[in-house]
All heavy atoms as atom14 arrays in JSON, in Angstrom:
{
  "sequence": "VNVQIGRYVYLSGPQRFEGQIPGPSTENWSMVTSQITADV",
  "atom14_mask": [
    [1, 1, 1, 1, 1, 1, 1, 0, 0, 0, 0, 0, 0, 0],
    [1, 1, 1, 1, 1, 1, 1, 1, 0, 0, 0, 0, 0, 0],
    [1, 1, 1, 1, 1, 1, 1, 0, 0, 0, 0, 0, 0, 0],
    [1, 1, 1, 1, 1, 1, 1, 1, 1, 0, 0, 0, 0, 0],
    [1, 1, 1, 1, 1, 1, 1, 1, 0, 0, 0, 0, 0, 0],
    [1, 1, 1, 1, 0, 0, 0, 0, 0, 0, 0, 0, 0, 0],
    [1, 1, 1, 1, 1, 1, 1, 1, 1, 1, 1, 0, 0, 0],
    [1, 1, 1, 1, 1, 1, 1, 1, 1, 1, 1, 1, 0, 0],
    [1, 1, 1, 1, 1, 1, 1, 0, 0, 0, 0, 0, 0, 0],
    [1, 1, 1, 1, 1, 1, 1, 1, 1, 1, 1, 1, 0, 0],
    [1, 1, 1, 1, 1, 1, 1, 1, 0, 0, 0, 0, 0, 0],
    [1, 1, 1, 1, 1, 1, 0, 0, 0, 0, 0, 0, 0, 0],
    [1, 1, 1, 1, 0, 0, 0, 0, 0, 0, 0, 0, 0, 0],
    [1, 1, 1, 1, 1, 1, 1, 0, 0, 0, 0, 0, 0, 0],
    [1, 1, 1, 1, 1, 1, 1, 1, 1, 0, 0, 0, 0, 0],
    [1, 1, 1, 1, 1, 1, 1, 1, 1, 1, 1, 0, 0, 0],
    [1, 1, 1, 1, 1, 1, 1, 1, 1, 1, 1, 0, 0, 0],
    [1, 1, 1, 1, 1, 1, 1, 1, 1, 0, 0, 0, 0, 0],
    [1, 1, 1, 1, 0, 0, 0, 0, 0, 0, 0, 0, 0, 0],
    [1, 1, 1, 1, 1, 1, 1, 1, 1, 0, 0, 0, 0, 0],
    [1, 1, 1, 1, 1, 1, 1, 1, 0, 0, 0, 0, 0, 0],
    [1, 1, 1, 1, 1, 1, 1, 0, 0, 0, 0, 0, 0, 0],
    [1, 1, 1, 1, 0, 0, 0, 0, 0, 0, 0, 0, 0, 0],
    [1, 1, 1, 1, 1, 1, 1, 0, 0, 0, 0, 0, 0, 0],
    [1, 1, 1, 1, 1, 1, 0, 0, 0, 0, 0, 0, 0, 0],
    [1, 1, 1, 1, 1, 1, 1, 0, 0, 0, 0, 0, 0, 0],
    [1, 1, 1, 1, 1, 1, 1, 1, 1, 0, 0, 0, 0, 0],
    [1, 1, 1, 1, 1, 1, 1, 1, 0, 0, 0, 0, 0, 0],
    [1, 1, 1, 1, 1, 1, 1, 1, 1, 1, 1, 1, 1, 1],
    [1, 1, 1, 1, 1, 1, 0, 0, 0, 0, 0, 0, 0, 0],
    [1, 1, 1, 1, 1, 1, 1, 1, 0, 0, 0, 0, 0, 0],
    [1, 1, 1, 1, 1, 1, 1, 0, 0, 0, 0, 0, 0, 0],
    [1, 1, 1, 1, 1, 1, 1, 0, 0, 0, 0, 0, 0, 0],
    [1, 1, 1, 1, 1, 1, 0, 0, 0, 0, 0, 0, 0, 0],
    [1, 1, 1, 1, 1, 1, 1, 1, 1, 0, 0, 0, 0, 0],
    [1, 1, 1, 1, 1, 1, 1, 1, 0, 0, 0, 0, 0, 0],
    [1, 1, 1, 1, 1, 1, 1, 0, 0, 0, 0, 0, 0, 0],
    [1, 1, 1, 1, 1, 0, 0, 0, 0, 0, 0, 0, 0, 0],
    [1, 1, 1, 1, 1, 1, 1, 1, 0, 0, 0, 0, 0, 0],
    [1, 1, 1, 1, 1, 1, 1, 0, 0, 0, 0, 0, 0, 0]
  ],
  "atom14_positions": [
    [[72.76, 33.35, 54.06], [73.2, 32.07, 54.64], [74.35, 32.31, 55.61], [75.33, 32.98, 55.29], [73.65, 31.1, 53.53], [73.97, 29.73, 54.13], [72.6, 30.98, 52.44], [0.0, 0.0, 0.0], [0.0, 0.0, 0.0], [0.0, 0.0, 0.0], [0.0, 0.0, 0.0], [0.0, 0.0, 0.0], [0.0, 0.0, 0.0], [0.0, 0.0, 0.0]],
    [[74.23, 31.77, 56.8], [75.29, 31.82, 57.81], [75.71, 30.39, 58.15], [74.87, 29.58, 58.55], [74.81, 32.55, 59.07], [75.88, 32.6, 60.14], [77.04, 32.86, 59.86], [75.49, 32.34, 61.38], [0.0, 0.0, 0.0], [0.0, 0.0, 0.0], [0.0, 0.0, 0.0], [0.0, 0.0, 0.0], [0.0, 0.0, 0.0], [0.0, 0.0, 0.0]],
    [[76.98, 30.09, 57.97], [77.49, 28.73, 58.2], [78.51, 28.75, 59.32], [79.42, 29.6, 59.34], [78.12, 28.15, 56.91], [78.74, 26.78, 57.18], [77.09, 28.04, 55.8], [0.0, 0.0, 0.0], [0.0, 0.0, 0.0], [0.0, 0.0, 0.0], [0.0, 0.0, 0.0], [0.0, 0.0, 0.0], [0.0, 0.0, 0.0], [0.0, 0.0, 0.0]],
    [[78.38, 27.83, 60.26], [79.36, 27.66, 61.33], [79.83, 26.2, 61.33], [79.03, 25.28, 61.14], [78.75, 28.01, 62.69], [78.44, 29.5, 62.86], [77.87, 29.78, 64.24], [76.79, 29.32, 64.58], [78.61, 30.53, 65.03], [0.0, 0.0, 0.0], [0.0, 0.0, 0.0], [0.0, 0.0, 0.0], [0.0, 0.0, 0.0], [0.0, 0.0, 0.0]],
    [[81.13, 26.02, 61.56], [81.72, 24.68, 61.55], [82.22, 24.34, 62.95], [82.87, 25.18, 63.6], [82.87, 24.61, 60.53], [82.35, 24.99, 59.13], [83.48, 23.21, 60.5], [83.43, 25.08, 58.09], [0.0, 0.0, 0.0], [0.0, 0.0, 0.0], [0.0, 0.0, 0.0], [0.0, 0.0, 0.0], [0.0, 0.0, 0.0], [0.0, 0.0, 0.0]],
    [[81.91, 23.18, 63.39], [82.3, 22.78, 64.74], [82.67, 21.32, 64.82], [83.02, 20.67, 63.82], [0.0, 0.0, 0.0], [0.0, 0.0, 0.0], [0.0, 0.0, 0.0], [0.0, 0.0, 0.0], [0.0, 0.0, 0.0], [0.0, 0.0, 0.0], [0.0, 0.0, 0.0], [0.0, 0.0, 0.0], [0.0, 0.0, 0.0], [0.0, 0.0, 0.0]],
    [[82.55, 20.78, 66.0], [82.95, 19.4, 66.25], [81.89, 18.69, 67.08], [81.31, 19.28, 67.99], [84.3, 19.36, 66.98], [85.46, 19.97, 66.17], [86.68, 20.16, 67.05], [87.88, 20.51, 66.3], [88.33, 21.76, 66.15], [87.67, 22.77, 66.69], [89.44, 21.99, 65.47], [0.0, 0.0, 0.0], [0.0, 0.0, 0.0], [0.0, 0.0, 0.0]],
    [[81.66, 17.46, 66.74], [80.71, 16.62, 67.46], [81.52, 15.75, 68.4], [82.21, 14.82, 67.96], [79.92, 15.79, 66.46], [78.67, 15.14, 67.01], [77.71, 15.88, 67.69], [78.43, 13.78, 66.8], [76.56, 15.29, 68.15], [77.27, 13.18, 67.26], [76.33, 13.94, 67.94], [75.18, 13.35, 68.4], [0.0, 0.0, 0.0], [0.0, 0.0, 0.0]],
    [[81.49, 16.04, 69.69], [82.41, 15.42, 70.64], [81.66, 14.59, 71.66], [80.48, 14.82, 71.94], [83.26, 16.5, 71.36], [84.09, 17.28, 70.35], [82.38, 17.47, 72.14], [0.0, 0.0, 0.0], [0.0, 0.0, 0.0], [0.0, 0.0, 0.0], [0.0, 0.0, 0.0], [0.0, 0.0, 0.0], [0.0, 0.0, 0.0], [0.0, 0.0, 0.0]],
    [[82.4, 13.65, 72.22], [81.83, 12.79, 73.26], [82.21, 13.33, 74.63], [83.39, 13.59, 74.91], [82.33, 11.36, 73.12], [81.76, 10.42, 74.16], [80.43, 10.01, 74.09], [82.54, 9.95, 75.21], [79.89, 9.16, 75.04], [82.02, 9.1, 76.16], [80.69, 8.71, 76.08], [80.15, 7.88, 77.03], [0.0, 0.0, 0.0], [0.0, 0.0, 0.0]],
    [[81.23, 13.52, 75.49], [81.46, 13.99, 76.86], [81.43, 12.79, 77.78], [80.39, 12.14, 77.93], [80.39, 15.01, 77.25], [80.23, 16.22, 76.31], [79.11, 17.13, 76.79], [81.53, 16.99, 76.2], [0.0, 0.0, 0.0], [0.0, 0.0, 0.0], [0.0, 0.0, 0.0], [0.0, 0.0, 0.0], [0.0, 0.0, 0.0], [0.0, 0.0, 0.0]],
    [[82.58, 12.5, 78.37], [82.68, 11.29, 79.19], [81.88, 11.4, 80.48], [81.42, 10.4, 81.01], [84.15, 10.99, 79.51], [84.75, 12.1, 80.16], [0.0, 0.0, 0.0], [0.0, 0.0, 0.0], [0.0, 0.0, 0.0], [0.0, 0.0, 0.0], [0.0, 0.0, 0.0], [0.0, 0.0, 0.0], [0.0, 0.0, 0.0], [0.0, 0.0, 0.0]],
    [[81.73, 12.63, 81.0], [80.97, 12.8, 82.25], [79.53, 12.36, 82.1], [79.09, 11.36, 82.69], [0.0, 0.0, 0.0], [0.0, 0.0, 0.0], [0.0, 0.0, 0.0], [0.0, 0.0, 0.0], [0.0, 0.0, 0.0], [0.0, 0.0, 0.0], [0.0, 0.0, 0.0], [0.0, 0.0, 0.0], [0.0, 0.0, 0.0], [0.0, 0.0, 0.0]],
    [[78.74, 13.09, 81.3], [77.33, 12.69, 81.1], [77.17, 11.53, 80.13], [76.05, 11.07, 79.92], [76.7, 13.97, 80.54], [77.81, 14.7, 79.88], [79.03, 14.4, 80.69], [0.0, 0.0, 0.0], [0.0, 0.0, 0.0], [0.0, 0.0, 0.0], [0.0, 0.0, 0.0], [0.0, 0.0, 0.0], [0.0, 0.0, 0.0], [0.0, 0.0, 0.0]],
    [[78.27, 11.09, 79.52], [78.27, 9.97, 78.59], [77.3, 10.21, 77.42], [76.4, 9.43, 77.14], [77.93, 8.66, 79.3], [78.94, 8.25, 80.35], [78.64, 6.91, 80.98], [77.51, 6.45, 80.96], [79.65, 6.28, 81.53], [0.0, 0.0, 0.0], [0.0, 0.0, 0.0], [0.0, 0.0, 0.0], [0.0, 0.0, 0.0], [0.0, 0.0, 0.0]],
    [[77.55, 11.31, 76.74], [76.73, 11.64, 75.58], [77.55, 12.45, 74.59], [78.6, 13.0, 74.93], [75.49, 12.44, 75.99], [75.79, 13.76, 76.65], [74.52, 14.49, 77.06], [74.78, 15.69, 77.83], [75.08, 16.88, 77.3], [75.16, 17.0, 76.0], [75.31, 17.92, 78.07], [0.0, 0.0, 0.0], [0.0, 0.0, 0.0], [0.0, 0.0, 0.0]],
    [[77.05, 12.5, 73.35], [77.66, 13.33, 72.32], [77.05, 14.72, 72.35], [75.87, 14.88, 72.66], [77.48, 12.7, 70.94], [78.29, 11.47, 70.72], [77.71, 10.21, 70.83], [79.63, 11.56, 70.39], [78.45, 9.07, 70.62], [80.39, 10.42, 70.18], [79.8, 9.17, 70.3], [0.0, 0.0, 0.0], [0.0, 0.0, 0.0], [0.0, 0.0, 0.0]],
    [[77.87, 15.71, 71.98], [77.38, 17.08, 71.97], [78.09, 17.86, 70.86], [79.3, 17.73, 70.66], [77.64, 17.76, 73.32], [77.25, 19.22, 73.38], [77.55, 19.82, 74.72], [76.75, 19.61, 75.65], [78.61, 20.49, 74.86], [0.0, 0.0, 0.0], [0.0, 0.0, 0.0], [0.0, 0.0, 0.0], [0.0, 0.0, 0.0], [0.0, 0.0, 0.0]],
    [[77.32, 18.67, 70.14], [77.91, 19.54, 69.13], [78.47, 20.79, 69.77], [77.8, 21.43, 70.59], [0.0, 0.0, 0.0], [0.0, 0.0, 0.0], [0.0, 0.0, 0.0], [0.0, 0.0, 0.0], [0.0, 0.0, 0.0], [0.0, 0.0, 0.0], [0.0, 0.0, 0.0], [0.0, 0.0, 0.0], [0.0, 0.0, 0.0], [0.0, 0.0, 0.0]],
    [[79.69, 21.16, 69.41], [80.33, 22.35, 69.97], [80.94, 23.16, 68.83], [81.51, 22.61, 67.89], [81.42, 21.95, 70.97], [80.89, 21.21, 72.19], [82.0, 20.84, 73.17], [83.17, 21.05, 72.9], [81.62, 20.27, 74.3], [0.0, 0.0, 0.0], [0.0, 0.0, 0.0], [0.0, 0.0, 0.0], [0.0, 0.0, 0.0], [0.0, 0.0, 0.0]],
    [[80.82, 24.48, 68.94], [81.42, 25.38, 67.96], [82.34, 26.35, 68.68], [81.87, 27.12, 69.53], [80.32, 26.16, 67.19], [79.43, 25.19, 66.41], [80.94, 27.19, 66.24], [78.26, 25.85, 65.72], [0.0, 0.0, 0.0], [0.0, 0.0, 0.0], [0.0, 0.0, 0.0], [0.0, 0.0, 0.0], [0.0, 0.0, 0.0], [0.0, 0.0, 0.0]],
    [[83.66, 26.34, 68.43], [84.32, 25.44, 67.46], [84.63, 24.06, 68.02], [84.96, 23.16, 67.28], [85.6, 26.19, 67.13], [85.94, 26.9, 68.39], [84.61, 27.34, 68.97], [0.0, 0.0, 0.0], [0.0, 0.0, 0.0], [0.0, 0.0, 0.0], [0.0, 0.0, 0.0], [0.0, 0.0, 0.0], [0.0, 0.0, 0.0], [0.0, 0.0, 0.0]],
    [[84.6, 23.88, 69.35], [84.94, 22.61, 69.95], [86.44, 22.45, 70.17], [87.23, 23.29, 69.72], [0.0, 0.0, 0.0], [0.0, 0.0, 0.0], [0.0, 0.0, 0.0], [0.0, 0.0, 0.0], [0.0, 0.0, 0.0], [0.0, 0.0, 0.0], [0.0, 0.0, 0.0], [0.0, 0.0, 0.0], [0.0, 0.0, 0.0], [0.0, 0.0, 0.0]],
    [[86.85, 21.4, 70.87], [88.27, 21.21, 71.2], [89.13, 20.93, 69.97], [88.73, 20.17, 69.09], [88.26, 20.01, 72.16], [87.0, 19.28, 71.82], [86.01, 20.32, 71.42], [0.0, 0.0, 0.0], [0.0, 0.0, 0.0], [0.0, 0.0, 0.0], [0.0, 0.0, 0.0], [0.0, 0.0, 0.0], [0.0, 0.0, 0.0], [0.0, 0.0, 0.0]],
    [[90.3, 21.53, 69.92], [91.18, 21.39, 68.76], [91.73, 19.98, 68.61], [92.28, 19.63, 67.57], [92.34, 22.39, 68.86], [93.1, 22.15, 70.04], [0.0, 0.0, 0.0], [0.0, 0.0, 0.0], [0.0, 0.0, 0.0], [0.0, 0.0, 0.0], [0.0, 0.0, 0.0], [0.0, 0.0, 0.0], [0.0, 0.0, 0.0], [0.0, 0.0, 0.0]],
    [[91.61, 19.17, 69.66], [92.1, 17.79, 69.58], [91.16, 16.89, 68.77], [91.51, 15.77, 68.44], [92.25, 17.2, 70.99], [91.0, 17.35, 71.7], [93.36, 17.91, 71.76], [0.0, 0.0, 0.0], [0.0, 0.0, 0.0], [0.0, 0.0, 0.0], [0.0, 0.0, 0.0], [0.0, 0.0, 0.0], [0.0, 0.0, 0.0], [0.0, 0.0, 0.0]],
    [[89.97, 17.39, 68.48], [89.0, 16.62, 67.72], [88.99, 17.06, 66.25], [89.35, 18.2, 65.94], [87.59, 16.81, 68.3], [87.45, 16.35, 69.74], [87.35, 14.84, 69.86], [87.01, 14.2, 68.85], [87.61, 14.31, 70.95], [0.0, 0.0, 0.0], [0.0, 0.0, 0.0], [0.0, 0.0, 0.0], [0.0, 0.0, 0.0], [0.0, 0.0, 0.0]],
    [[88.56, 16.18, 65.37], [88.39, 16.54, 63.97], [87.17, 17.42, 63.78], [86.18, 17.29, 64.51], [88.22, 15.28, 63.1], [89.53, 14.6, 62.81], [90.6, 15.14, 63.06], [89.46, 13.4, 62.27], [0.0, 0.0, 0.0], [0.0, 0.0, 0.0], [0.0, 0.0, 0.0], [0.0, 0.0, 0.0], [0.0, 0.0, 0.0], [0.0, 0.0, 0.0]],
    [[87.22, 18.3, 62.77], [86.02, 19.03, 62.37], [85.0, 18.01, 61.88], [85.29, 17.18, 61.02], [86.33, 20.03, 61.26], [87.3, 21.1, 61.65], [88.59, 21.22, 61.24], [87.06, 22.22, 62.52], [89.18, 22.33, 61.8], [88.26, 22.98, 62.59], [85.95, 22.66, 63.23], [88.38, 24.13, 63.36], [86.07, 23.81, 64.01], [87.26, 24.54, 64.06]],
    [[83.78, 18.05, 62.43], [82.82, 17.0, 62.09], [81.38, 17.48, 62.1], [80.46, 16.68, 62.0], [82.96, 15.83, 63.08], [82.76, 16.29, 64.41], [0.0, 0.0, 0.0], [0.0, 0.0, 0.0], [0.0, 0.0, 0.0], [0.0, 0.0, 0.0], [0.0, 0.0, 0.0], [0.0, 0.0, 0.0], [0.0, 0.0, 0.0], [0.0, 0.0, 0.0]],
    [[81.15, 18.82, 62.21], [79.78, 19.32, 62.34], [79.65, 20.63, 61.58], [80.55, 21.47, 61.59], [79.44, 19.54, 63.82], [78.02, 20.05, 64.06], [77.68, 20.32, 65.8], [78.55, 21.86, 66.06], [0.0, 0.0, 0.0], [0.0, 0.0, 0.0], [0.0, 0.0, 0.0], [0.0, 0.0, 0.0], [0.0, 0.0, 0.0], [0.0, 0.0, 0.0]],
    [[78.52, 20.81, 60.91], [78.2, 22.06, 60.22], [76.8, 22.49, 60.61], [75.85, 21.69, 60.52], [78.31, 21.91, 58.69], [77.78, 23.16, 57.99], [79.75, 21.66, 58.27], [0.0, 0.0, 0.0], [0.0, 0.0, 0.0], [0.0, 0.0, 0.0], [0.0, 0.0, 0.0], [0.0, 0.0, 0.0], [0.0, 0.0, 0.0], [0.0, 0.0, 0.0]],
    [[76.67, 23.74, 61.06], [75.37, 24.35, 61.32], [75.13, 25.43, 60.29], [75.97, 26.32, 60.1], [75.31, 24.94, 62.73], [75.41, 23.89, 63.69], [74.0, 25.69, 62.96], [0.0, 0.0, 0.0], [0.0, 0.0, 0.0], [0.0, 0.0, 0.0], [0.0, 0.0, 0.0], [0.0, 0.0, 0.0], [0.0, 0.0, 0.0], [0.0, 0.0, 0.0]],
    [[74.01, 25.36, 59.61], [73.66, 26.34, 58.58], [72.36, 27.03, 58.96], [71.42, 26.38, 59.43], [73.52, 25.66, 57.22], [73.26, 26.6, 56.21], [0.0, 0.0, 0.0], [0.0, 0.0, 0.0], [0.0, 0.0, 0.0], [0.0, 0.0, 0.0], [0.0, 0.0, 0.0], [0.0, 0.0, 0.0], [0.0, 0.0, 0.0], [0.0, 0.0, 0.0]],
    [[72.32, 28.36, 58.77], [71.13, 29.14, 59.09], [70.82, 30.07, 57.93], [71.72, 30.75, 57.41], [71.34, 29.94, 60.37], [70.1, 30.69, 60.84], [70.35, 31.46, 62.13], [70.97, 32.52, 62.1], [69.92, 30.9, 63.24], [0.0, 0.0, 0.0], [0.0, 0.0, 0.0], [0.0, 0.0, 0.0], [0.0, 0.0, 0.0], [0.0, 0.0, 0.0]],
    [[69.56, 30.12, 57.52], [69.12, 31.02, 56.45], [68.09, 31.98, 57.03], [67.13, 31.56, 57.69], [68.5, 30.25, 55.28], [69.54, 29.3, 54.66], [67.98, 31.21, 54.21], [69.01, 28.45, 53.53], [0.0, 0.0, 0.0], [0.0, 0.0, 0.0], [0.0, 0.0, 0.0], [0.0, 0.0, 0.0], [0.0, 0.0, 0.0], [0.0, 0.0, 0.0]],
    [[68.3, 33.27, 56.82], [67.38, 34.32, 57.28], [66.77, 34.99, 56.06], [67.5, 35.41, 55.14], [68.11, 35.35, 58.14], [68.74, 34.68, 59.25], [67.15, 36.4, 58.67], [0.0, 0.0, 0.0], [0.0, 0.0, 0.0], [0.0, 0.0, 0.0], [0.0, 0.0, 0.0], [0.0, 0.0, 0.0], [0.0, 0.0, 0.0], [0.0, 0.0, 0.0]],
    [[65.45, 35.13, 56.04], [64.77, 35.72, 54.89], [63.72, 36.73, 55.35], [62.97, 36.46, 56.3], [64.11, 34.64, 54.04], [0.0, 0.0, 0.0], [0.0, 0.0, 0.0], [0.0, 0.0, 0.0], [0.0, 0.0, 0.0], [0.0, 0.0, 0.0], [0.0, 0.0, 0.0], [0.0, 0.0, 0.0], [0.0, 0.0, 0.0], [0.0, 0.0, 0.0]],
    [[63.65, 37.9, 54.7], [62.61, 38.9, 54.92], [61.45, 38.56, 54.0], [61.56, 38.64, 52.78], [63.15, 40.3, 54.61], [62.11, 41.38, 54.84], [60.98, 41.04, 55.25], [62.42, 42.57, 54.57], [0.0, 0.0, 0.0], [0.0, 0.0, 0.0], [0.0, 0.0, 0.0], [0.0, 0.0, 0.0], [0.0, 0.0, 0.0], [0.0, 0.0, 0.0]],
    [[60.33, 38.17, 54.6], [59.18, 37.73, 53.81], [58.06, 38.76, 53.78], [56.95, 38.47, 53.32], [58.64, 36.38, 54.36], [59.7, 35.3, 54.23], [58.2, 36.52, 55.81], [0.0, 0.0, 0.0], [0.0, 0.0, 0.0], [0.0, 0.0, 0.0], [0.0, 0.0, 0.0], [0.0, 0.0, 0.0], [0.0, 0.0, 0.0], [0.0, 0.0, 0.0]]
  ]
}
């Protein structure tokens, strides 16, 4: 399991939300990306 923590921020230019890792420090931590890799 690989976990990364980031921030879900609003971009005023394109007027949309975007997940960023780690994202700007002025924002609260608000996003988690988890990845599982398995040899099958």
